[in-house]
C-alpha atoms as a PDB file:
ATOM      1  CA  MET A   1     135.068 271.628 128.764  1.00  0.00           C
ATOM      2  CA  SER A   2     135.017 268.740 126.307  1.00  0.00           C
ATOM      3  CA  ILE A   3     138.167 267.249 127.914  1.00  0.00           C
ATOM      4  CA  VAL A   4     136.470 267.154 131.318  1.00  0.00           C
ATOM      5  CA  LYS A   5     133.349 265.616 129.812  1.00  0.00           C
ATOM      6  CA  ASN A   6     135.433 262.941 128.031  1.00  0.00           C
ATOM      7  CA  ALA A   7     137.308 262.184 131.260  1.00  0.00           C
ATOM      8  CA  ARG A   8     134.019 261.704 133.116  1.00  0.00           C
ATOM      9  CA  LEU A   9     132.709 259.390 130.403  1.00  0.00           C
ATOM     10  CA  LEU A  10     135.914 257.322 130.472  1.00  0.00           C
ATOM     11  CA  ALA A  11     135.818 257.121 134.274  1.00  0.00           C
ATOM     12  CA  ALA A  12     132.191 255.983 134.235  1.00  0.00           C
ATOM     13  CA  ARG A  13     132.916 253.427 131.517  1.00  0.00           C
ATOM     14  CA  GLY A  14     135.943 252.102 133.486  1.00  0.00           C
ATOM     15  CA  ALA A  15     133.858 251.777 136.661  1.00  0.00           C
ATOM     16  CA  ARG A  16     131.189 249.776 134.797  1.00  0.00           C
ATOM     17  CA  LEU A  17     133.843 247.519 133.286  1.00  0.00           C
ATOM     18  CA  ALA A  18     135.418 246.876 136.701  1.00  0.00           C
ATOM     19  CA  GLN A  19     132.007 245.945 138.116  1.00  0.00           C
ATOM     20  CA  GLN A  20     131.389 243.513 135.245  1.00  0.00           C
ATOM     21  CA  ARG A  21     134.650 241.590 135.750  1.00  0.00           C
ATOM     22  CA  SER A  22     134.275 238.464 137.812  1.00  0.00           C
ATOM     23  CA  TYR A  23     137.330 238.809 140.059  1.00  0.00           C
ATOM     24  CA  SER A  24     137.255 236.263 142.840  1.00  0.00           C
ATOM     25  CA  ASP A  25     138.474 236.514 146.422  1.00  0.00           C
ATOM     26  CA  GLU A  26     139.995 233.040 145.958  1.00  0.00           C
ATOM     27  CA  MET A  27     142.860 232.128 143.689  1.00  0.00           C
ATOM     28  CA  LYS A  28     142.852 228.661 142.149  1.00  0.00           C
ATOM     29  CA  LEU A  29     146.205 227.356 140.965  1.00  0.00           C
ATOM     30  CA  THR A  30     146.831 224.716 138.352  1.00  0.00           C
ATOM     31  CA  PHE A  31     150.554 223.959 138.202  1.00  0.00           C
ATOM     32  CA  ALA A  32     151.770 221.158 135.981  1.00  0.00           C
ATOM     33  CA  ALA A  33     154.780 219.935 134.068  1.00  0.00           C
ATOM     34  CA  ALA A  34     155.377 217.023 131.744  1.00  0.00           C
ATOM     35  CA  ASN A  35     156.652 214.998 134.693  1.00  0.00           C
ATOM     36  CA  LYS A  36     153.942 215.808 137.281  1.00  0.00           C
ATOM     37  CA  THR A  37     150.848 217.802 138.231  1.00  0.00           C
ATOM     38  CA  PHE A  38     151.587 219.707 141.449  1.00  0.00           C
ATOM     39  CA  PHE A  39     148.269 221.584 141.875  1.00  0.00           C
ATOM     40  CA  ASP A  40     144.939 221.069 140.146  1.00  0.00           C
ATOM     41  CA  ALA A  41     142.610 224.054 140.685  1.00  0.00           C
ATOM     42  CA  THR A  42     143.819 224.244 144.292  1.00  0.00           C
ATOM     43  CA  VAL A  43     143.008 227.382 146.286  1.00  0.00           C
ATOM     44  CA  VAL A  44     146.243 229.122 147.369  1.00  0.00           C
ATOM     45  CA  ARG A  45     147.128 232.475 148.936  1.00  0.00           C
ATOM     46  CA  GLN A  46     150.086 233.598 146.781  1.00  0.00           C
ATOM     47  CA  ILE A  47     152.302 232.517 143.904  1.00  0.00           C
ATOM     48  CA  ASP A  48     155.701 234.035 143.066  1.00  0.00           C
ATOM     49  CA  VAL A  49     157.105 233.309 139.611  1.00  0.00           C
ATOM     50  CA  PRO A  50     160.343 234.059 137.736  1.00  0.00           C
ATOM     51  CA  SER A  51     159.669 235.497 134.285  1.00  0.00           C
ATOM     52  CA  PHE A  52     161.750 237.014 131.523  1.00  0.00           C
ATOM     53  CA  SER A  53     160.016 240.342 132.182  1.00  0.00           C
ATOM     54  CA  GLY A  54     160.934 240.114 135.884  1.00  0.00           C
ATOM     55  CA  ALA A  55     159.881 238.081 138.896  1.00  0.00           C
ATOM     56  CA  PHE A  56     156.418 238.894 140.245  1.00  0.00           C
ATOM     57  CA  GLY A  57     153.931 237.816 142.881  1.00  0.00           C
ATOM     58  CA  ILE A  58     150.324 236.886 142.227  1.00  0.00           C
ATOM     59  CA  LEU A  59     147.423 237.311 144.640  1.00  0.00           C
ATOM     60  CA  ALA A  60     143.671 236.924 144.140  1.00  0.00           C
ATOM     61  CA  LYS A  61     142.235 239.691 141.929  1.00  0.00           C
ATOM     62  CA  HIS A  62     145.559 240.088 140.100  1.00  0.00           C
ATOM     63  CA  VAL A  63     145.292 241.798 136.737  1.00  0.00           C
ATOM     64  CA  PRO A  64     145.072 239.241 133.898  1.00  0.00           C
ATOM     65  CA  THR A  65     148.597 238.447 132.757  1.00  0.00           C
ATOM     66  CA  LEU A  66     150.507 236.173 130.431  1.00  0.00           C
ATOM     67  CA  ALA A  67     154.262 235.691 130.941  1.00  0.00           C
ATOM     68  CA  VAL A  68     157.070 233.363 129.911  1.00  0.00           C
ATOM     69  CA  LEU A  69     158.803 231.595 132.786  1.00  0.00           C
ATOM     70  CA  LYS A  70     162.568 231.666 132.983  1.00  0.00           C
ATOM     71  CA  PRO A  71     164.636 229.089 134.848  1.00  0.00           C
ATOM     72  CA  GLY A  72     164.140 229.656 138.557  1.00  0.00           C
ATOM     73  CA  VAL A  73     161.955 229.033 141.574  1.00  0.00           C
ATOM     74  CA  VAL A  74     158.162 229.193 141.693  1.00  0.00           C
ATOM     75  CA  MET A  75     157.035 229.753 145.278  1.00  0.00           C
ATOM     76  CA  VAL A  76     153.521 228.779 146.338  1.00  0.00           C
ATOM     77  CA  THR A  77     152.023 229.890 149.650  1.00  0.00           C
ATOM     78  CA  ASP A  78     148.938 227.902 150.613  1.00  0.00           C
ATOM     79  CA  ASN A  79     146.051 229.331 152.647  1.00  0.00           C
ATOM     80  CA  ASP A  80     147.654 228.144 155.900  1.00  0.00           C
ATOM     81  CA  GLY A  81     150.825 230.121 155.141  1.00  0.00           C
ATOM     82  CA  LYS A  82     152.980 227.109 154.235  1.00  0.00           C
ATOM     83  CA  LEU A  83     155.545 227.976 151.538  1.00  0.00           C
ATOM     84  CA  THR A  84     156.592 225.362 148.974  1.00  0.00           C
ATOM     85  CA  LYS A  85     159.285 225.975 146.368  1.00  0.00           C
ATOM     86  CA  TYR A  86     159.552 224.383 142.923  1.00  0.00           C
ATOM     87  CA  PHE A  87     162.323 224.686 140.366  1.00  0.00           C
ATOM     88  CA  VAL A  88     161.088 225.285 136.802  1.00  0.00           C
ATOM     89  CA  SER A  89     163.245 225.122 133.685  1.00  0.00           C
ATOM     90  CA  SER A  90     160.886 227.165 131.478  1.00  0.00           C
ATOM     91  CA  GLY A  91     157.209 227.487 130.654  1.00  0.00           C
ATOM     92  CA  SER A  92     154.377 229.981 130.920  1.00  0.00           C
ATOM     93  CA  VAL A  93     152.121 231.538 133.530  1.00  0.00           C
ATOM     94  CA  THR A  94     148.595 232.745 132.844  1.00  0.00           C
ATOM     95  CA  VAL A  95     146.540 234.804 135.279  1.00  0.00           C
ATOM     96  CA  ASN A  96     142.845 234.956 134.325  1.00  0.00           C
ATOM     97  CA  GLU A  97     140.080 237.426 135.209  1.00  0.00           C
ATOM     98  CA  ASP A  98     138.445 234.888 137.526  1.00  0.00           C
ATOM     99  CA  SER A  99     141.654 234.721 139.637  1.00  0.00           C
ATOM    100  CA  SER A 100     142.563 231.296 138.313  1.00  0.00           C
ATOM    101  CA  VAL A 101     146.248 230.817 137.526  1.00  0.00           C
ATOM    102  CA  GLN A 102     147.914 228.255 135.303  1.00  0.00           C
ATOM    103  CA  VAL A 103     151.635 227.592 135.592  1.00  0.00           C
ATOM    104  CA  LEU A 104     152.720 225.231 132.831  1.00  0.00           C
ATOM    105  CA  ALA A 105     156.384 224.253 133.040  1.00  0.00           C
ATOM    106  CA  GLU A 106     158.545 222.351 130.615  1.00  0.00           C
ATOM    107  CA  GLU A 107     160.032 220.630 133.652  1.00  0.00           C
ATOM    108  CA  ALA A 108     159.472 221.221 137.384  1.00  0.00           C
ATOM    109  CA  HIS A 109     160.709 219.643 140.610  1.00  0.00           C
ATOM    110  CA  ASN A 110     160.275 220.323 144.297  1.00  0.00           C
ATOM    111  CA  VAL A 111     163.376 222.232 145.440  1.00  0.00           C
ATOM    112  CA  GLU A 112     163.762 219.836 148.383  1.00  0.00           C
ATOM    113  CA  ASP A 113     164.395 217.007 145.895  1.00  0.00           C
ATOM    114  CA  ILE A 114     167.372 218.728 144.220  1.00  0.00           C
ATOM    115  CA  ASP A 115     170.853 217.455 145.075  1.00  0.00           C
ATOM    116  CA  VAL A 116     173.167 220.497 145.233  1.00  0.00           C
ATOM    117  CA  SER A 117     176.319 218.541 144.382  1.00  0.00           C
ATOM    118  CA  GLU A 118     174.660 216.992 141.316  1.00  0.00           C
ATOM    119  CA  ALA A 119     173.452 220.419 140.222  1.00  0.00           C
ATOM    120  CA  ARG A 120     176.997 221.808 140.538  1.00  0.00           C
ATOM    121  CA  GLN A 121     178.399 218.886 138.524  1.00  0.00           C
ATOM    122  CA  LEU A 122     175.809 219.544 135.830  1.00  0.00           C
ATOM    123  CA  LEU A 123     176.766 223.225 135.711  1.00  0.00           C
ATOM    124  CA  SER A 124     180.448 222.338 135.432  1.00  0.00           C
ATOM    125  CA  LYS A 125     179.709 219.891 132.611  1.00  0.00           C
ATOM    126  CA  TYR A 126     177.782 222.503 130.605  1.00  0.00           C
ATOM    127  CA  GLN A 127     180.437 225.158 131.206  1.00  0.00           C
ATOM    128  CA  SER A 128     183.029 222.742 129.789  1.00  0.00           C
ATOM    129  CA  GLN A 129     180.806 222.080 126.792  1.00  0.00           C
ATOM    130  CA  MET A 130     180.475 225.816 126.201  1.00  0.00           C
ATOM    131  CA  SER A 131     184.217 226.386 126.226  1.00  0.00           C
ATOM    132  CA  SER A 132     184.872 223.447 123.916  1.00  0.00           C
ATOM    133  CA  ALA A 133     181.835 223.866 121.649  1.00  0.00           C
ATOM    134  CA  SER A 134     182.841 223.063 118.107  1.00  0.00           C
ATOM    135  CA  THR A 135     181.474 221.331 115.093  1.00  0.00           C
ATOM    136  CA  ASP A 136     180.444 217.789 115.806  1.00  0.00           C
ATOM    137  CA  LYS A 137     179.352 214.650 113.996  1.00  0.00           C
ATOM    138  CA  VAL A 138     175.994 216.204 113.107  1.00  0.00           C
ATOM    139  CA  CYS A 139     177.795 219.020 111.336  1.00  0.00           C
ATOM    140  CA  SER A 140     180.101 216.543 109.602  1.00  0.00           C
ATOM    141  CA  THR A 141     177.072 214.655 108.314  1.00  0.00           C
ATOM    142  CA  ILE A 142     175.598 217.876 106.960  1.00  0.00           C
ATOM    143  CA  HIS A 143     178.900 218.649 105.217  1.00  0.00           C
ATOM    144  CA  ALA A 144     178.832 215.354 103.343  1.00  0.00           C
ATOM    145  CA  PHE A 145     175.727 216.488 101.470  1.00  0.00           C
ATOM    146  CA  HIS A 146     176.959 219.939 100.423  1.00  0.00           C
ATOM    147  CA  THR A 147     179.595 221.298  98.113  1.00  0.00           C
ATOM    148  CA  SER A 148     182.854 222.595  99.516  1.00  0.00           C
ATOM    149  CA  SER A 149     181.771 226.217  98.941  1.00  0.00           C
ATOM    150  CA  THR A 150     179.005 225.918 101.546  1.00  0.00           C
ATOM    151  CA  ILE A 151     180.909 223.858 104.119  1.00  0.00           C
ATOM    152  CA  HIS A 152     182.276 226.896 105.933  1.00  0.00           C
ATOM    153  CA  SER A 153     178.795 228.403 106.319  1.00  0.00           C
ATOM    154  CA  TYR A 154     177.392 225.183 107.753  1.00  0.00           C
ATOM    155  CA  SER A 155     180.380 224.809 110.101  1.00  0.00           C
ATOM    156  CA  PHE A 156     179.761 228.287 111.452  1.00  0.00           C
ATOM    157  CA  ILE A 157     176.024 227.597 111.898  1.00  0.00           C
ATOM    158  CA  CYS A 158     176.736 224.319 113.709  1.00  0.00           C
ATOM    159  CA  LEU A 159     179.248 226.063 115.981  1.00  0.00           C
ATOM    160  CA  LEU A 160     176.700 228.785 116.829  1.00  0.00           C
ATOM    161  CA  GLN A 161     174.029 226.168 117.520  1.00  0.00           C
ATOM    162  CA  ALA A 162     176.345 224.209 119.820  1.00  0.00           C
ATOM    163  CA  LYS A 163     177.259 227.380 121.718  1.00  0.00           C
ATOM    164  CA  ALA A 164     173.591 228.467 121.995  1.00  0.00           C
ATOM    165  CA  GLU A 165     172.544 225.058 123.333  1.00  0.00           C
ATOM    166  CA  ALA A 166     175.377 225.133 125.874  1.00  0.00           C
ATOM    167  CA  ALA A 167     174.436 228.697 126.946  1.00  0.00           C
ATOM    168  CA  ILE A 168     170.822 227.649 127.555  1.00  0.00           C
ATOM    169  CA  ALA A 169     171.966 224.591 129.523  1.00  0.00           C
ATOM    170  CA  ILE A 170     174.260 226.817 131.626  1.00  0.00           C
ATOM    171  CA  GLU A 171     171.425 229.242 132.374  1.00  0.00           C
ATOM    172  CA  VAL A 172     169.193 226.406 133.570  1.00  0.00           C
ATOM    173  CA  ALA A 173     171.998 224.750 135.568  1.00  0.00           C
ATOM    174  CA  GLU A 174     172.922 228.062 137.264  1.00  0.00           C
ATOM    175  CA  ALA A 175     169.298 228.568 138.293  1.00  0.00           C
ATOM    176  CA  LEU A 176     169.162 224.958 139.489  1.00  0.00           C
ATOM    177  CA  VAL A 177     172.247 225.435 141.693  1.00  0.00           C
ATOM    178  CA  LYS A 178     170.866 228.700 143.070  1.00  0.00           C
ATOM    179  CA  ALA A 179     167.526 227.035 143.853  1.00  0.00           C
ATOM    180  CA  ALA A 180     169.183 224.120 145.626  1.00  0.00           C
ATOM    181  CA  GLU A 181     171.470 226.238 147.830  1.00  0.00           C
END
């Protein structure tokens, strides 16, 4: 009997909490990057975002959420049904209790402005860098300040860093090409 009583109490408490939340029937989007502000508390119908935990859509009254954006396309549907697509390199998305949403991108561009051939050239460049990643002048400078016993460790670290940077650039360039096609 105590389990049933506890369940009723939890249900009643949950119902009160849901009534207290100030979910709105409108969703206001603020979408900005270092290069431009695309929306500033603009009412929109839907937002679709790519995140490292999976792509998801956002409507008014969405559960509060915080996610990290991965390279890909953010799609915004305005109240008239017009869909606009934006490429983002990285960033974050925050969905608040009041149905306001903030998309903050490291870099973002309208997909219509992306040149597919340039994006492919960029991808090719980064793939070449990945295959030829090796120690560079930065690593050589580091070596000059350390004894010969630590040079091999620093060379390995520099090689890993160069490969990691190239892998990140490839991931962004692949998403850029996909967005532009």
